[in-house]
């Protein structure tokens, strides 16, 4: 069963998955050298678009991308799929 780090910010709980190959690191850091702060900045500062094909939200800045979905919208819980550099 995957393990997640929970981060609460502005009333929203974010779930960041640990990496499968190196479970001591978050996936976003192990694969893309991005941080929780990078993901939160994208979430709060960039407007999301809905990707129907992959059933996820996508936020982009000039330098980063974020893929995520609501785990429980009413509980304000978000699962971060990945955060990467463009």
PDB file of N, CA and C in Angstrom:
ATOM      1  N   UNK A   1       0.844  -1.180   0.000  1.00  0.00           N
ATOM      2  CA  UNK A   1       0.000   0.000   0.000  1.00  0.00           C
ATOM      3  C   UNK A   1       0.893   1.248   0.000  1.00  0.00           C
ATOM      4  N   UNK A   2       0.620   2.197  -0.887  1.00  0.00           N
ATOM      5  CA  UNK A   2       1.463   3.394  -0.960  1.00  0.00           C
ATOM      6  C   UNK A   2       1.374   4.244   0.310  1.00  0.00           C
ATOM      7  N   UNK A   3       2.486   4.905   0.605  1.00  0.00           N
ATOM      8  CA  UNK A   3       2.522   5.816   1.746  1.00  0.00           C
ATOM      9  C   UNK A   3       2.562   7.243   1.239  1.00  0.00           C
ATOM     10  N   UNK A   4       1.943   8.119   2.001  1.00  0.00           N
ATOM     11  CA  UNK A   4       1.835   9.523   1.620  1.00  0.00           C
ATOM     12  C   UNK A   4       2.282  10.424   2.770  1.00  0.00           C
ATOM     13  N   UNK A   5       2.854  11.556   2.405  1.00  0.00           N
ATOM     14  CA  UNK A   5       3.089  12.619   3.372  1.00  0.00           C
ATOM     15  C   UNK A   5       1.898  13.555   3.271  1.00  0.00           C
ATOM     16  N   UNK A   6       1.333  13.915   4.410  1.00  0.00           N
ATOM     17  CA  UNK A   6       0.206  14.855   4.444  1.00  0.00           C
ATOM     18  C   UNK A   6       0.731  16.234   4.819  1.00  0.00           C
ATOM     19  N   UNK A   7       0.268  17.224   4.064  1.00  0.00           N
ATOM     20  CA  UNK A   7       0.653  18.609   4.321  1.00  0.00           C
ATOM     21  C   UNK A   7      -0.627  19.432   4.322  1.00  0.00           C
ATOM     22  N   UNK A   8      -0.849  20.179   5.386  1.00  0.00           N
ATOM     23  CA  UNK A   8      -2.041  21.028   5.468  1.00  0.00           C
ATOM     24  C   UNK A   8      -1.630  22.474   5.199  1.00  0.00           C
ATOM     25  N   UNK A   9      -2.336  23.097   4.256  1.00  0.00           N
ATOM     26  CA  UNK A   9      -2.051  24.476   3.861  1.00  0.00           C
ATOM     27  C   UNK A   9      -3.361  25.151   3.493  1.00  0.00           C
ATOM     28  N   UNK A  10      -3.632  26.291   4.112  1.00  0.00           N
ATOM     29  CA  UNK A  10      -4.828  27.094   3.825  1.00  0.00           C
ATOM     30  C   UNK A  10      -6.112  26.269   3.875  1.00  0.00           C
ATOM     31  N   UNK A  11      -6.204  25.376   4.854  1.00  0.00           N
ATOM     32  CA  UNK A  11      -7.416  24.591   5.047  1.00  0.00           C
ATOM     33  C   UNK A  11      -7.558  23.398   4.129  1.00  0.00           C
ATOM     34  N   UNK A  12      -6.550  23.118   3.323  1.00  0.00           N
ATOM     35  CA  UNK A  12      -6.577  21.970   2.412  1.00  0.00           C
ATOM     36  C   UNK A  12      -5.483  20.997   2.840  1.00  0.00           C
ATOM     37  N   UNK A  13      -5.816  19.696   2.865  1.00  0.00           N
ATOM     38  CA  UNK A  13      -4.818  18.668   3.151  1.00  0.00           C
ATOM     39  C   UNK A  13      -4.354  18.086   1.830  1.00  0.00           C
ATOM     40  N   UNK A  14      -3.052  18.143   1.606  1.00  0.00           N
ATOM     41  CA  UNK A  14      -2.426  17.610   0.393  1.00  0.00           C
ATOM     42  C   UNK A  14      -1.752  16.288   0.720  1.00  0.00           C
ATOM     43  N   UNK A  15      -1.891  15.327  -0.187  1.00  0.00           N
ATOM     44  CA  UNK A  15      -1.268  14.016  -0.038  1.00  0.00           C
ATOM     45  C   UNK A  15      -0.190  13.878  -1.106  1.00  0.00           C
ATOM     46  N   UNK A  16       1.059  13.717  -0.655  1.00  0.00           N
ATOM     47  CA  UNK A  16       2.209  13.541  -1.542  1.00  0.00           C
ATOM     48  C   UNK A  16       2.720  12.114  -1.380  1.00  0.00           C
ATOM     49  N   UNK A  17       2.756  11.373  -2.468  1.00  0.00           N
ATOM     50  CA  UNK A  17       3.163   9.969  -2.423  1.00  0.00           C
ATOM     51  C   UNK A  17       4.676   9.839  -2.313  1.00  0.00           C
ATOM     52  N   UNK A  18       5.095   8.860  -1.519  1.00  0.00           N
ATOM     53  CA  UNK A  18       6.507   8.515  -1.459  1.00  0.00           C
ATOM     54  C   UNK A  18       6.868   7.677  -2.684  1.00  0.00           C
ATOM     55  N   UNK A  19       8.124   7.730  -3.086  1.00  0.00           N
ATOM     56  CA  UNK A  19       8.593   7.046  -4.288  1.00  0.00           C
ATOM     57  C   UNK A  19       8.599   5.530  -4.098  1.00  0.00           C
ATOM     58  N   UNK A  20       8.287   4.802  -5.133  1.00  0.00           N
ATOM     59  CA  UNK A  20       8.281   3.338  -5.063  1.00  0.00           C
ATOM     60  C   UNK A  20       9.696   2.771  -4.998  1.00  0.00           C
ATOM     61  N   UNK A  21      10.632   3.376  -5.717  1.00  0.00           N
ATOM     62  CA  UNK A  21      12.007   2.875  -5.753  1.00  0.00           C
ATOM     63  C   UNK A  21      12.760   3.261  -4.483  1.00  0.00           C
ATOM     64  N   UNK A  22      12.608   4.497  -4.048  1.00  0.00           N
ATOM     65  CA  UNK A  22      13.253   4.968  -2.819  1.00  0.00           C
ATOM     66  C   UNK A  22      12.180   5.535  -1.897  1.00  0.00           C
ATOM     67  N   UNK A  23      11.584   4.670  -1.069  1.00  0.00           N
ATOM     68  CA  UNK A  23      10.465   5.102  -0.226  1.00  0.00           C
ATOM     69  C   UNK A  23      10.816   6.121   0.852  1.00  0.00           C
ATOM     70  N   UNK A  24      12.085   6.503   0.958  1.00  0.00           N
ATOM     71  CA  UNK A  24      12.441   7.553   1.913  1.00  0.00           C
ATOM     72  C   UNK A  24      12.264   8.939   1.308  1.00  0.00           C
ATOM     73  N   UNK A  25      12.026   9.014  -0.005  1.00  0.00           N
ATOM     74  CA  UNK A  25      11.870  10.291  -0.715  1.00  0.00           C
ATOM     75  C   UNK A  25      10.468  10.419  -1.288  1.00  0.00           C
ATOM     76  N   UNK A  26       9.980  11.632  -1.368  1.00  0.00           N
ATOM     77  CA  UNK A  26       8.721  11.866  -2.073  1.00  0.00           C
ATOM     78  C   UNK A  26       8.928  11.651  -3.565  1.00  0.00           C
ATOM     79  N   UNK A  27       7.908  11.137  -4.224  1.00  0.00           N
ATOM     80  CA  UNK A  27       7.974  10.900  -5.671  1.00  0.00           C
ATOM     81  C   UNK A  27       8.391  12.160  -6.429  1.00  0.00           C
ATOM     82  N   UNK A  28       7.802  13.298  -6.065  1.00  0.00           N
ATOM     83  CA  UNK A  28       8.086  14.529  -6.815  1.00  0.00           C
ATOM     84  C   UNK A  28       9.549  14.936  -6.713  1.00  0.00           C
ATOM     85  N   UNK A  29      10.196  14.599  -5.606  1.00  0.00           N
ATOM     86  CA  UNK A  29      11.612  14.919  -5.467  1.00  0.00           C
ATOM     87  C   UNK A  29      12.477  13.858  -6.133  1.00  0.00           C
ATOM     88  N   UNK A  30      12.182  12.585  -5.903  1.00  0.00           N
ATOM     89  CA  UNK A  30      12.984  11.487  -6.459  1.00  0.00           C
ATOM     90  C   UNK A  30      12.985  11.494  -7.986  1.00  0.00           C
ATOM     91  N   UNK A  31      11.867  11.832  -8.589  1.00  0.00           N
ATOM     92  CA  UNK A  31      11.744  11.767 -10.056  1.00  0.00           C
ATOM     93  C   UNK A  31      11.980  13.098 -10.752  1.00  0.00           C
ATOM     94  N   UNK A  32      11.651  14.213 -10.083  1.00  0.00           N
ATOM     95  CA  UNK A  32      11.660  15.509 -10.781  1.00  0.00           C
ATOM     96  C   UNK A  32      12.415  16.620 -10.056  1.00  0.00           C
ATOM     97  N   UNK A  33      12.985  16.299  -8.887  1.00  0.00           N
ATOM     98  CA  UNK A  33      13.709  17.289  -8.076  1.00  0.00           C
ATOM     99  C   UNK A  33      12.853  18.521  -7.766  1.00  0.00           C
ATOM    100  N   UNK A  34      11.565  18.282  -7.546  1.00  0.00           N
ATOM    101  CA  UNK A  34      10.674  19.356  -7.127  1.00  0.00           C
ATOM    102  C   UNK A  34      10.284  19.117  -5.669  1.00  0.00           C
ATOM    103  N   UNK A  35       9.727  20.146  -5.057  1.00  0.00           N
ATOM    104  CA  UNK A  35       9.442  20.097  -3.623  1.00  0.00           C
ATOM    105  C   UNK A  35       7.959  20.322  -3.343  1.00  0.00           C
ATOM    106  N   UNK A  36       7.595  20.091  -2.103  1.00  0.00           N
ATOM    107  CA  UNK A  36       6.235  20.391  -1.654  1.00  0.00           C
ATOM    108  C   UNK A  36       5.941  21.868  -1.884  1.00  0.00           C
ATOM    109  N   UNK A  37       6.898  22.738  -1.593  1.00  0.00           N
ATOM    110  CA  UNK A  37       6.699  24.177  -1.810  1.00  0.00           C
ATOM    111  C   UNK A  37       6.441  24.502  -3.280  1.00  0.00           C
ATOM    112  N   UNK A  38       7.132  23.823  -4.191  1.00  0.00           N
ATOM    113  CA  UNK A  38       6.878  24.025  -5.628  1.00  0.00           C
ATOM    114  C   UNK A  38       5.433  23.669  -5.962  1.00  0.00           C
ATOM    115  N   UNK A  39       4.981  22.525  -5.472  1.00  0.00           N
ATOM    116  CA  UNK A  39       3.623  22.057  -5.762  1.00  0.00           C
ATOM    117  C   UNK A  39       2.574  23.003  -5.177  1.00  0.00           C
ATOM    118  N   UNK A  40       2.788  23.432  -3.939  1.00  0.00           N
ATOM    119  CA  UNK A  40       1.826  24.334  -3.310  1.00  0.00           C
ATOM    120  C   UNK A  40       1.771  25.673  -4.031  1.00  0.00           C
ATOM    121  N   UNK A  41       2.908  26.184  -4.464  1.00  0.00           N
ATOM    122  CA  UNK A  41       2.928  27.444  -5.212  1.00  0.00           C
ATOM    123  C   UNK A  41       2.126  27.314  -6.502  1.00  0.00           C
ATOM    124  N   UNK A  42       2.271  26.220  -7.200  1.00  0.00           N
ATOM    125  CA  UNK A  42       1.498  26.011  -8.431  1.00  0.00           C
ATOM    126  C   UNK A  42       0.010  25.907  -8.128  1.00  0.00           C
ATOM    127  N   UNK A  43      -0.325  25.151  -7.098  1.00  0.00           N
ATOM    128  CA  UNK A  43      -1.726  24.958  -6.752  1.00  0.00           C
ATOM    129  C   UNK A  43      -2.409  26.279  -6.427  1.00  0.00           C
ATOM    130  N   UNK A  44      -1.763  27.098  -5.636  1.00  0.00           N
ATOM    131  CA  UNK A  44      -2.394  28.334  -5.169  1.00  0.00           C
ATOM    132  C   UNK A  44      -2.210  29.527  -6.107  1.00  0.00           C
ATOM    133  N   UNK A  45      -1.223  29.490  -6.979  1.00  0.00           N
ATOM    134  CA  UNK A  45      -0.929  30.662  -7.812  1.00  0.00           C
ATOM    135  C   UNK A  45      -1.266  30.516  -9.294  1.00  0.00           C
ATOM    136  N   UNK A  46      -1.526  29.295  -9.749  1.00  0.00           N
ATOM    137  CA  UNK A  46      -1.811  29.081 -11.168  1.00  0.00           C
ATOM    138  C   UNK A  46      -3.195  28.470 -11.330  1.00  0.00           C
ATOM    139  N   UNK A  47      -3.924  28.934 -12.319  1.00  0.00           N
ATOM    140  CA  UNK A  47      -5.292  28.457 -12.551  1.00  0.00           C
ATOM    141  C   UNK A  47      -5.267  27.033 -13.122  1.00  0.00           C
ATOM    142  N   UNK A  48      -6.041  26.122 -12.513  1.00  0.00           N
ATOM    143  CA  UNK A  48      -6.066  24.754 -13.029  1.00  0.00           C
ATOM    144  C   UNK A  48      -6.966  24.609 -14.251  1.00  0.00           C
ATOM    145  N   UNK A  49      -6.618  23.647 -15.076  1.00  0.00           N
ATOM    146  CA  UNK A  49      -7.497  23.209 -16.162  1.00  0.00           C
ATOM    147  C   UNK A  49      -7.785  21.729 -15.941  1.00  0.00           C
ATOM    148  N   UNK A  50      -8.954  21.295 -16.380  1.00  0.00           N
ATOM    149  CA  UNK A  50      -9.356  19.898 -16.236  1.00  0.00           C
ATOM    150  C   UNK A  50      -8.946  19.139 -17.478  1.00  0.00           C
ATOM    151  N   UNK A  51      -8.225  18.016 -17.302  1.00  0.00           N
ATOM    152  CA  UNK A  51      -7.846  17.135 -18.397  1.00  0.00           C
ATOM    153  C   UNK A  51      -8.787  15.935 -18.349  1.00  0.00           C
ATOM    154  N   UNK A  52      -9.791  15.941 -19.214  1.00  0.00           N
ATOM    155  CA  UNK A  52     -10.817  14.893 -19.212  1.00  0.00           C
ATOM    156  C   UNK A  52     -10.220  13.527 -19.530  1.00  0.00           C
ATOM    157  N   UNK A  53      -9.293  13.476 -20.470  1.00  0.00           N
ATOM    158  CA  UNK A  53      -8.692  12.202 -20.879  1.00  0.00           C
ATOM    159  C   UNK A  53      -8.044  11.486 -19.690  1.00  0.00           C
ATOM    160  N   UNK A  54      -7.306  12.226 -18.870  1.00  0.00           N
ATOM    161  CA  UNK A  54      -6.598  11.630 -17.740  1.00  0.00           C
ATOM    162  C   UNK A  54      -7.313  11.857 -16.402  1.00  0.00           C
ATOM    163  N   UNK A  55      -8.448  12.568 -16.439  1.00  0.00           N
ATOM    164  CA  UNK A  55      -9.284  12.810 -15.260  1.00  0.00           C
ATOM    165  C   UNK A  55      -8.468  13.406 -14.117  1.00  0.00           C
ATOM    166  N   UNK A  56      -7.817  14.538 -14.420  1.00  0.00           N
ATOM    167  CA  UNK A  56      -6.990  15.230 -13.433  1.00  0.00           C
ATOM    168  C   UNK A  56      -6.976  16.718 -13.734  1.00  0.00           C
ATOM    169  N   UNK A  57      -6.611  17.481 -12.728  1.00  0.00           N
ATOM    170  CA  UNK A  57      -6.379  18.914 -12.913  1.00  0.00           C
ATOM    171  C   UNK A  57      -4.905  19.116 -13.223  1.00  0.00           C
ATOM    172  N   UNK A  58      -4.633  20.163 -14.004  1.00  0.00           N
ATOM    173  CA  UNK A  58      -3.265  20.487 -14.382  1.00  0.00           C
ATOM    174  C   UNK A  58      -3.043  21.986 -14.206  1.00  0.00           C
ATOM    175  N   UNK A  59      -2.003  22.330 -13.480  1.00  0.00           N
ATOM    176  CA  UNK A  59      -1.599  23.726 -13.286  1.00  0.00           C
ATOM    177  C   UNK A  59      -0.206  23.884 -13.879  1.00  0.00           C
ATOM    178  N   UNK A  60       0.010  24.988 -14.597  1.00  0.00           N
ATOM    179  CA  UNK A  60       1.318  25.229 -15.205  1.00  0.00           C
ATOM    180  C   UNK A  60       1.776  26.654 -14.954  1.00  0.00           C
ATOM    181  N   UNK A  61       3.065  26.778 -14.705  1.00  0.00           N
ATOM    182  CA  UNK A  61       3.719  28.077 -14.695  1.00  0.00           C
ATOM    183  C   UNK A  61       4.718  28.056 -15.845  1.00  0.00           C
ATOM    184  N   UNK A  62       5.544  29.069 -15.944  1.00  0.00           N
ATOM    185  CA  UNK A  62       6.560  29.081 -16.999  1.00  0.00           C
ATOM    186  C   UNK A  62       7.620  28.012 -16.769  1.00  0.00           C
ATOM    187  N   UNK A  63       7.770  27.550 -15.530  1.00  0.00           N
ATOM    188  CA  UNK A  63       8.867  26.624 -15.206  1.00  0.00           C
ATOM    189  C   UNK A  63       8.432  25.261 -14.670  1.00  0.00           C
ATOM    190  N   UNK A  64       7.166  25.121 -14.226  1.00  0.00           N
ATOM    191  CA  UNK A  64       6.733  23.889 -13.571  1.00  0.00           C
ATOM    192  C   UNK A  64       5.332  23.470 -14.000  1.00  0.00           C
ATOM    193  N   UNK A  65       5.046  22.195 -13.788  1.00  0.00           N
ATOM    194  CA  UNK A  65       3.713  21.652 -13.993  1.00  0.00           C
ATOM    195  C   UNK A  65       3.287  20.858 -12.777  1.00  0.00           C
ATOM    196  N   UNK A  66       1.983  20.795 -12.545  1.00  0.00           N
ATOM    197  CA  UNK A  66       1.413  20.071 -11.408  1.00  0.00           C
ATOM    198  C   UNK A  66       0.194  19.304 -11.894  1.00  0.00           C
ATOM    199  N   UNK A  67       0.136  18.006 -11.579  1.00  0.00           N
ATOM    200  CA  UNK A  67      -1.039  17.178 -11.852  1.00  0.00           C
ATOM    201  C   UNK A  67      -1.623  16.768 -10.507  1.00  0.00           C
ATOM    202  N   UNK A  68      -2.958  16.896 -10.359  1.00  0.00           N
ATOM    203  CA  UNK A  68      -3.597  16.586  -9.087  1.00  0.00           C
ATOM    204  C   UNK A  68      -5.077  16.280  -9.274  1.00  0.00           C
ATOM    205  N   UNK A  69      -5.710  15.739  -8.221  1.00  0.00           N
ATOM    206  CA  UNK A  69      -7.161  15.529  -8.209  1.00  0.00           C
ATOM    207  C   UNK A  69      -7.674  15.650  -6.781  1.00  0.00           C
ATOM    208  N   UNK A  70      -8.971  15.906  -6.689  1.00  0.00           N
ATOM    209  CA  UNK A  70      -9.605  15.967  -5.368  1.00  0.00           C
ATOM    210  C   UNK A  70      -9.793  14.555  -4.846  1.00  0.00           C
ATOM    211  N   UNK A  71      -9.257  14.256  -3.688  1.00  0.00           N
ATOM    212  CA  UNK A  71      -9.503  12.979  -3.026  1.00  0.00           C
ATOM    213  C   UNK A  71     -10.899  13.013  -2.421  1.00  0.00           C
ATOM    214  N   UNK A  72     -11.181  14.093  -1.692  1.00  0.00           N
ATOM    215  CA  UNK A  72     -12.501  14.389  -1.141  1.00  0.00           C
ATOM    216  C   UNK A  72     -12.669  15.897  -1.211  1.00  0.00           C
ATOM    217  N   UNK A  73     -13.475  16.346  -2.144  1.00  0.00           N
ATOM    218  CA  UNK A  73     -13.638  17.795  -2.326  1.00  0.00           C
ATOM    219  C   UNK A  73     -14.214  18.466  -1.079  1.00  0.00           C
ATOM    220  N   UNK A  74     -15.228  17.852  -0.470  1.00  0.00           N
ATOM    221  CA  UNK A  74     -15.877  18.486   0.684  1.00  0.00           C
ATOM    222  C   UNK A  74     -14.997  18.441   1.935  1.00  0.00           C
ATOM    223  N   UNK A  75     -14.129  17.468   2.024  1.00  0.00           N
ATOM    224  CA  UNK A  75     -13.164  17.423   3.128  1.00  0.00           C
ATOM    225  C   UNK A  75     -11.927  18.259   2.801  1.00  0.00           C
ATOM    226  N   UNK A  76     -11.876  18.777   1.584  1.00  0.00           N
ATOM    227  CA  UNK A  76     -10.758  19.600   1.114  1.00  0.00           C
ATOM    228  C   UNK A  76      -9.440  18.826   1.167  1.00  0.00           C
ATOM    229  N   UNK A  77      -9.442  17.662   0.497  1.00  0.00           N
ATOM    230  CA  UNK A  77      -8.271  16.806   0.419  1.00  0.00           C
ATOM    231  C   UNK A  77      -7.862  16.645  -1.042  1.00  0.00           C
ATOM    232  N   UNK A  78      -6.591  16.894  -1.317  1.00  0.00           N
ATOM    233  CA  UNK A  78      -6.040  16.850  -2.669  1.00  0.00           C
ATOM    234  C   UNK A  78      -4.923  15.817  -2.735  1.00  0.00           C
ATOM    235  N   UNK A  79      -4.930  14.981  -3.764  1.00  0.00           N
ATOM    236  CA  UNK A  79      -3.825  14.074  -4.032  1.00  0.00           C
ATOM    237  C   UNK A  79      -2.974  14.688  -5.138  1.00  0.00           C
ATOM    238  N   UNK A  80      -1.702  14.885  -4.833  1.00  0.00           N
ATOM    239  CA  UNK A  80      -0.752  15.386  -5.837  1.00  0.00           C
ATOM    240  C   UNK A  80      -0.225  14.174  -6.593  1.00  0.00           C
ATOM    241  N   UNK A  81      -0.494  14.133  -7.900  1.00  0.00           N
ATOM    242  CA  UNK A  81      -0.006  13.037  -8.729  1.00  0.00           C
ATOM    243  C   UNK A  81       1.483  13.241  -8.980  1.00  0.00           C
ATOM    244  N   UNK A  82       1.831  14.431  -9.460  1.00  0.00           N
ATOM    245  CA  UNK A  82       3.236  14.748  -9.666  1.00  0.00           C
ATOM    246  C   UNK A  82       3.414  16.255  -9.846  1.00  0.00           C
ATOM    247  N   UNK A  83       4.631  16.690  -9.650  1.00  0.00           N
ATOM    248  CA  UNK A  83       5.034  18.065  -9.871  1.00  0.00           C
ATOM    249  C   UNK A  83       6.390  17.990 -10.571  1.00  0.00           C
ATOM    250  N   UNK A  84       6.532  18.714 -11.661  1.00  0.00           N
ATOM    251  CA  UNK A  84       7.730  18.560 -12.480  1.00  0.00           C
ATOM    252  C   UNK A  84       8.171  19.888 -13.069  1.00  0.00           C
ATOM    253  N   UNK A  85       9.411  19.908 -13.529  1.00  0.00           N
ATOM    254  CA  UNK A  85       9.967  21.086 -14.205  1.00  0.00           C
ATOM    255  C   UNK A  85       9.688  20.967 -15.695  1.00  0.00           C
ATOM    256  N   UNK A  86       9.411  22.100 -16.308  1.00  0.00           N
ATOM    257  CA  UNK A  86       9.144  22.124 -17.758  1.00  0.00           C
ATOM    258  C   UNK A  86      10.446  22.426 -18.487  1.00  0.00           C
TER     259      UNK A  86
END
